[in-house]
Amino acid sequence: MSSLTRSGAAFGLLFAGLVASSAWAIDSLTFSSTAQEQRFQALTQELRCLVCQNQNLADSDAELARDLRLEVYEMLVAGKSNAEIKGFLVDRYGEFVLYQPPVRGGTIALWFGPIALLIFGFFLARRWWRRPTANPSAVTASGVAQNGDNDPGEFP
């Protein structure tokens, strides 16, 4: 067997292994009804991946996100309500697990801080653009007045 054929066969096996491993990574959860599946999808959209931080559980491919999806699925199948599932995860991981934390004393800066900074920046920019600028004709006139009655063409 030539080296070209061997390397082609090795590449083919490697490619097949990669494709198969990505196929195994897909969650294969079975639901008793479409309503249960929709609840699962809604819950995983509302919960944050603790590893990725900018993705919800539904979109994340992290191993922890898969584990949390499975945990949500098991609680859903066990008949727990959405509030109970969220409460369990908040007790375990803190409010950070919620993609949109509730408005409270500790999270008020998260909700209204960006708006306050935007308004402050607007007023700061408005003040900066409205400040008076030096009038070049006034400076020239005062400069001539300081030199006295000399003709600008004469030397002192």
Protein backbone atom coordinates (compact mmCIF):
# COMPACT_ATOMS: atom_id res chain seq x y z
CA MET A 1 0.00 0.00 0.00
CA SER A 2 1.47 3.35 -0.94
CA SER A 3 2.02 6.13 1.59
CA LEU A 4 -0.51 8.32 -0.23
CA THR A 5 -3.20 5.68 0.16
CA ARG A 6 -2.34 5.15 3.83
CA SER A 7 -2.46 8.86 4.61
CA GLY A 8 -5.78 9.15 2.75
CA ALA A 9 -7.22 6.24 4.73
CA ALA A 10 -5.95 7.72 8.01
CA PHE A 11 -7.47 11.09 7.14
CA GLY A 12 -10.78 9.42 6.26
CA LEU A 13 -10.88 7.58 9.59
CA LEU A 14 -10.05 10.76 11.49
CA PHE A 15 -12.79 12.68 9.66
CA ALA A 16 -15.34 9.90 10.30
CA GLY A 17 -14.44 9.93 13.99
CA LEU A 18 -14.91 13.68 14.24
CA VAL A 19 -18.27 13.56 12.50
CA ALA A 20 -19.46 10.68 14.69
CA SER A 21 -18.35 12.40 17.91
CA SER A 22 -20.24 15.58 17.02
CA ALA A 23 -23.35 13.53 16.26
CA TRP A 24 -23.18 11.90 19.71
CA ALA A 25 -23.02 15.32 21.37
CA ILE A 26 -26.59 16.19 20.30
CA ASP A 27 -29.10 15.99 23.15
CA SER A 28 -31.63 13.24 22.53
CA LEU A 29 -34.39 14.02 25.00
CA THR A 30 -37.88 12.59 24.58
CA PHE A 31 -40.89 14.52 25.79
CA SER A 32 -44.37 13.23 26.56
CA SER A 33 -46.03 16.20 24.84
CA THR A 34 -45.23 19.21 22.73
CA ALA A 35 -46.26 21.45 25.65
CA GLN A 36 -43.58 19.82 27.80
CA GLU A 37 -41.01 20.32 25.04
CA GLN A 38 -42.01 23.98 24.69
CA ARG A 39 -41.65 24.46 28.46
CA PHE A 40 -38.19 22.91 28.28
CA GLN A 41 -37.18 25.19 25.40
CA ALA A 42 -38.52 28.27 27.21
CA LEU A 43 -36.71 27.35 30.44
CA THR A 44 -33.39 26.71 28.73
CA GLN A 45 -33.74 30.06 26.92
CA GLU A 46 -34.20 31.84 30.28
CA LEU A 47 -31.25 30.18 32.04
CA ARG A 48 -27.63 31.27 31.53
CA CYS A 49 -24.73 28.96 30.76
CA LEU A 50 -22.35 29.34 33.69
CA VAL A 51 -19.31 28.64 31.52
CA CYS A 52 -20.10 30.76 28.45
CA GLN A 53 -21.84 33.57 30.40
CA ASN A 54 -23.15 35.24 27.25
CA GLN A 55 -25.22 32.30 26.06
CA ASN A 56 -28.30 30.65 27.39
CA LEU A 57 -28.47 26.92 28.11
CA ALA A 58 -30.29 26.20 24.86
CA ASP A 59 -27.53 27.69 22.67
CA SER A 60 -24.45 26.59 24.62
CA ASP A 61 -22.34 23.57 23.66
CA ALA A 62 -20.41 23.50 26.94
CA GLU A 63 -20.37 20.26 28.94
CA LEU A 64 -21.85 22.00 32.00
CA ALA A 65 -24.68 23.39 29.87
CA ARG A 66 -25.50 19.85 28.70
CA ASP A 67 -25.54 18.69 32.32
CA LEU A 68 -27.82 21.56 33.32
CA ARG A 69 -30.15 20.88 30.38
CA LEU A 70 -30.38 17.26 31.51
CA GLU A 71 -31.07 18.38 35.08
CA VAL A 72 -33.82 20.74 33.88
CA TYR A 73 -35.26 17.92 31.77
CA GLU A 74 -35.31 15.49 34.70
CA MET A 75 -37.05 18.02 36.97
CA LEU A 76 -39.53 18.82 34.20
CA VAL A 77 -40.35 15.14 33.70
CA ALA A 78 -40.68 14.77 37.49
CA GLY A 79 -43.51 17.31 37.35
CA LYS A 80 -41.86 20.35 38.91
CA SER A 81 -43.09 23.79 37.92
CA ASN A 82 -40.97 26.39 36.14
CA ALA A 83 -40.70 28.40 39.37
CA GLU A 84 -39.50 25.33 41.29
CA ILE A 85 -36.88 24.53 38.65
CA LYS A 86 -35.61 28.12 38.55
CA GLY A 87 -35.66 28.29 42.35
CA PHE A 88 -33.57 25.12 42.61
CA LEU A 89 -30.98 26.44 40.15
CA VAL A 90 -30.87 29.88 41.81
CA ASP A 91 -30.37 28.25 45.22
CA ARG A 92 -27.56 26.16 43.80
CA TYR A 93 -25.78 28.68 41.51
CA GLY A 94 -27.10 32.10 42.54
CA GLU A 95 -29.11 34.64 40.54
CA PHE A 96 -26.36 34.70 37.94
CA VAL A 97 -27.92 31.57 36.40
CA LEU A 98 -30.97 33.63 35.40
CA TYR A 99 -30.46 35.26 32.01
CA GLN A 100 -32.55 38.23 33.15
CA PRO A 101 -32.15 38.69 36.92
CA PRO A 102 -35.05 40.34 38.80
CA VAL A 103 -34.92 44.06 39.61
CA ARG A 104 -33.79 44.28 43.24
CA GLY A 105 -31.46 46.41 45.33
CA GLY A 106 -28.39 44.41 44.30
CA THR A 107 -29.25 44.30 40.60
CA ILE A 108 -30.61 47.81 40.14
CA ALA A 109 -27.24 49.02 38.83
CA LEU A 110 -27.29 46.26 36.21
CA TRP A 111 -30.70 47.31 34.97
CA PHE A 112 -30.47 51.10 35.10
CA GLY A 113 -26.72 51.77 35.14
CA PRO A 114 -26.27 51.73 31.35
CA ILE A 115 -29.20 54.12 30.85
CA ALA A 116 -27.87 56.48 33.55
CA LEU A 117 -24.40 56.46 31.97
CA LEU A 118 -25.90 57.19 28.54
CA ILE A 119 -27.89 60.15 29.88
CA PHE A 120 -24.84 61.46 31.79
CA GLY A 121 -22.72 61.16 28.63
CA PHE A 122 -25.35 63.01 26.60
CA PHE A 123 -25.40 65.95 29.03
CA LEU A 124 -21.61 66.01 29.25
CA ALA A 125 -21.29 66.08 25.44
CA ARG A 126 -23.99 68.75 25.18
CA ARG A 127 -22.17 70.92 27.71
CA TRP A 128 -18.86 70.45 25.91
CA TRP A 129 -20.32 71.42 22.51
CA ARG A 130 -22.16 74.44 23.91
CA ARG A 131 -19.21 76.02 25.73
CA PRO A 132 -18.26 79.42 24.34
CA THR A 133 -15.40 79.52 21.89
CA ALA A 134 -12.87 82.34 21.63
CA ASN A 135 -13.82 84.94 19.04
CA PRO A 136 -10.76 85.57 16.81
CA SER A 137 -11.86 89.14 15.95
CA ALA A 138 -12.09 90.07 19.66
CA VAL A 139 -8.60 88.75 20.32
CA THR A 140 -7.20 90.74 17.39
CA ALA A 141 -8.97 93.90 18.52
CA SER A 142 -7.69 93.57 22.07
CA GLY A 143 -4.18 92.86 20.77
CA VAL A 144 -4.17 96.07 18.73
CA ALA A 145 -5.52 98.02 21.70
CA GLN A 146 -2.65 96.79 23.86
CA ASN A 147 -0.03 97.98 21.34
CA GLY A 148 -1.34 101.51 21.59
CA ASP A 149 -2.02 103.82 18.68
CA ASN A 150 0.86 102.51 16.62
CA ASP A 151 0.20 101.87 13.05
CA PRO A 152 0.45 98.13 12.43
CA GLY A 153 2.92 98.88 9.66
CA GLU A 154 5.30 100.85 11.92
CA PHE A 155 7.98 99.42 14.11
CA PRO A 156 8.25 100.78 17.64
